[in-house]
PDB file of N, CA and C in Angstrom:
ATOM      1  N   UNK A   1      -9.033  -8.608  26.023  1.00  0.00           N
ATOM      2  CA  UNK A   1      -8.417  -8.191  25.523  1.00  0.00           C
ATOM      3  C   UNK A   1      -8.823  -7.710  24.138  1.00  0.00           C
ATOM      4  N   UNK A   2      -8.864  -6.225  24.551  1.00  0.00           N
ATOM      5  CA  UNK A   2      -9.695  -5.281  22.992  1.00  0.00           C
ATOM      6  C   UNK A   2      -9.233  -6.037  21.310  1.00  0.00           C
ATOM      7  N   UNK A   3      -9.899  -5.915  20.295  1.00  0.00           N
ATOM      8  CA  UNK A   3      -9.739  -6.566  18.940  1.00  0.00           C
ATOM      9  C   UNK A   3      -8.617  -5.579  17.994  1.00  0.00           C
ATOM     10  N   UNK A   4      -7.245  -6.151  18.100  1.00  0.00           N
ATOM     11  CA  UNK A   4      -7.003  -5.362  16.995  1.00  0.00           C
ATOM     12  C   UNK A   4      -7.004  -5.743  15.424  1.00  0.00           C
ATOM     13  N   UNK A   5      -8.158  -6.829  15.145  1.00  0.00           N
ATOM     14  CA  UNK A   5      -7.589  -7.463  13.506  1.00  0.00           C
ATOM     15  C   UNK A   5      -8.452  -5.811  13.463  1.00  0.00           C
ATOM     16  N   UNK A   6      -9.480  -5.254  13.310  1.00  0.00           N
ATOM     17  CA  UNK A   6      -9.818  -4.520  12.235  1.00  0.00           C
ATOM     18  C   UNK A   6      -9.106  -3.094  11.545  1.00  0.00           C
ATOM     19  N   UNK A   7      -7.974  -2.891  13.291  1.00  0.00           N
ATOM     20  CA  UNK A   7      -6.714  -2.243  13.333  1.00  0.00           C
ATOM     21  C   UNK A   7      -5.336  -3.028  11.922  1.00  0.00           C
ATOM     22  N   UNK A   8      -5.482  -4.345  12.212  1.00  0.00           N
ATOM     23  CA  UNK A   8      -4.194  -5.055  11.212  1.00  0.00           C
ATOM     24  C   UNK A   8      -5.517  -4.809  10.184  1.00  0.00           C
ATOM     25  N   UNK A   9      -6.726  -4.530   9.931  1.00  0.00           N
ATOM     26  CA  UNK A   9      -6.975  -4.678   8.517  1.00  0.00           C
ATOM     27  C   UNK A   9      -6.955  -3.079   7.669  1.00  0.00           C
ATOM     28  N   UNK A  10      -6.690  -2.378   8.523  1.00  0.00           N
ATOM     29  CA  UNK A  10      -7.388  -1.193   7.896  1.00  0.00           C
ATOM     30  C   UNK A  10      -5.235  -0.588   7.500  1.00  0.00           C
ATOM     31  N   UNK A  11      -4.850  -1.211   8.480  1.00  0.00           N
ATOM     32  CA  UNK A  11      -2.985  -0.892   8.354  1.00  0.00           C
ATOM     33  C   UNK A  11      -2.166  -2.194   7.172  1.00  0.00           C
ATOM     34  N   UNK A  12      -3.552  -3.126   7.045  1.00  0.00           N
ATOM     35  CA  UNK A  12      -3.118  -3.633   5.594  1.00  0.00           C
ATOM     36  C   UNK A  12      -3.477  -3.636   3.786  1.00  0.00           C
ATOM     37  N   UNK A  13      -4.611  -2.473   4.351  1.00  0.00           N
ATOM     38  CA  UNK A  13      -5.271  -1.748   3.170  1.00  0.00           C
ATOM     39  C   UNK A  13      -4.716  -0.529   2.826  1.00  0.00           C
ATOM     40  N   UNK A  14      -3.916  -0.382   3.836  1.00  0.00           N
ATOM     41  CA  UNK A  14      -3.271   1.090   3.582  1.00  0.00           C
ATOM     42  C   UNK A  14      -2.087   0.110   3.096  1.00  0.00           C
ATOM     43  N   UNK A  15      -2.017   0.011   3.786  1.00  0.00           N
ATOM     44  CA  UNK A  15       0.413  -0.466   2.811  1.00  0.00           C
ATOM     45  C   UNK A  15      -0.275  -1.084   1.801  1.00  0.00           C
ATOM     46  N   UNK A  16      -1.537  -1.772   1.488  1.00  0.00           N
ATOM     47  CA  UNK A  16      -1.363  -2.414   0.156  1.00  0.00           C
ATOM     48  C   UNK A  16      -1.904  -1.445  -0.817  1.00  0.00           C
ATOM     49  N   UNK A  17      -3.024   0.036  -0.841  1.00  0.00           N
ATOM     50  CA  UNK A  17      -2.881   1.457  -1.390  1.00  0.00           C
ATOM     51  C   UNK A  17      -1.068   1.556  -1.784  1.00  0.00           C
ATOM     52  N   UNK A  18      -0.376   1.958  -0.187  1.00  0.00           N
ATOM     53  CA  UNK A  18       0.357   2.625  -0.909  1.00  0.00           C
ATOM     54  C   UNK A  18       1.276   2.299  -1.692  1.00  0.00           C
ATOM     55  N   UNK A  19       1.250   0.372  -1.518  1.00  0.00           N
ATOM     56  CA  UNK A  19       2.655   0.053  -2.300  1.00  0.00           C
ATOM     57  C   UNK A  19       2.090  -0.006  -4.030  1.00  0.00           C
ATOM     58  N   UNK A  20       0.543  -0.279  -3.808  1.00  0.00           N
ATOM     59  CA  UNK A  20       0.376   0.701  -5.693  1.00  0.00           C
ATOM     60  C   UNK A  20       0.586   1.565  -5.982  1.00  0.00           C
ATOM     61  N   UNK A  21       0.848   2.741  -5.110  1.00  0.00           N
ATOM     62  CA  UNK A  21       1.440   3.801  -5.314  1.00  0.00           C
ATOM     63  C   UNK A  21       2.453   4.356  -5.557  1.00  0.00           C
ATOM     64  N   UNK A  22       3.016   3.523  -5.015  1.00  0.00           N
ATOM     65  CA  UNK A  22       4.701   2.550  -4.881  1.00  0.00           C
ATOM     66  C   UNK A  22       4.983   2.581  -6.539  1.00  0.00           C
ATOM     67  N   UNK A  23       4.150   1.171  -6.882  1.00  0.00           N
ATOM     68  CA  UNK A  23       3.942   0.188  -8.101  1.00  0.00           C
ATOM     69  C   UNK A  23       4.476   1.315  -9.577  1.00  0.00           C
ATOM     70  N   UNK A  24       3.406   2.117  -9.237  1.00  0.00           N
ATOM     71  CA  UNK A  24       3.300   2.956 -10.094  1.00  0.00           C
ATOM     72  C   UNK A  24       3.694   3.879 -10.726  1.00  0.00           C
ATOM     73  N   UNK A  25       4.011   4.411 -10.146  1.00  0.00           N
ATOM     74  CA  UNK A  25       5.553   5.872 -10.144  1.00  0.00           C
ATOM     75  C   UNK A  25       6.627   5.222 -10.462  1.00  0.00           C
ATOM     76  N   UNK A  26       6.863   3.712 -10.014  1.00  0.00           N
ATOM     77  CA  UNK A  26       8.439   3.118 -10.628  1.00  0.00           C
ATOM     78  C   UNK A  26       7.933   2.755 -11.755  1.00  0.00           C
ATOM     79  N   UNK A  27       6.909   1.951 -12.226  1.00  0.00           N
ATOM     80  CA  UNK A  27       6.229   1.638 -13.639  1.00  0.00           C
ATOM     81  C   UNK A  27       6.431   2.726 -14.546  1.00  0.00           C
ATOM     82  N   UNK A  28       5.970   4.241 -14.267  1.00  0.00           N
ATOM     83  CA  UNK A  28       5.442   4.953 -14.709  1.00  0.00           C
ATOM     84  C   UNK A  28       7.150   5.541 -15.440  1.00  0.00           C
ATOM     85  N   UNK A  29       8.058   5.956 -13.832  1.00  0.00           N
ATOM     86  CA  UNK A  29       9.800   6.498 -14.206  1.00  0.00           C
ATOM     87  C   UNK A  29      10.404   5.789 -15.110  1.00  0.00           C
ATOM     88  N   UNK A  30      10.067   4.496 -14.978  1.00  0.00           N
ATOM     89  CA  UNK A  30      10.956   3.340 -15.986  1.00  0.00           C
ATOM     90  C   UNK A  30      10.414   3.449 -16.805  1.00  0.00           C
ATOM     91  N   UNK A  31       9.241   4.568 -17.188  1.00  0.00           N
ATOM     92  CA  UNK A  31       8.816   4.415 -19.362  1.00  0.00           C
ATOM     93  C   UNK A  31       9.181   6.145 -19.733  1.00  0.00           C
ATOM     94  N   UNK A  32       9.658   6.466 -18.219  1.00  0.00           N
ATOM     95  CA  UNK A  32       9.925   7.946 -18.544  1.00  0.00           C
ATOM     96  C   UNK A  32      11.480   8.307 -19.432  1.00  0.00           C
ATOM     97  N   UNK A  33      12.380   6.476 -19.003  1.00  0.00           N
ATOM     98  CA  UNK A  33      14.077   6.507 -18.915  1.00  0.00           C
ATOM     99  C   UNK A  33      13.716   6.861 -20.416  1.00  0.00           C
TER     100      UNK A  33
END
C-alpha cells in the first residue's frame, strides 16, 4: 500500500491556506461595508 499520508498533509495545508485567504477576504469585505 502506498503512503497517502504526505498527500493528505499537503491537501490539508493547502486547504488551510485557502481557508485563511477566504477568511481574510471576507473580513476585508465586511470592513468595507
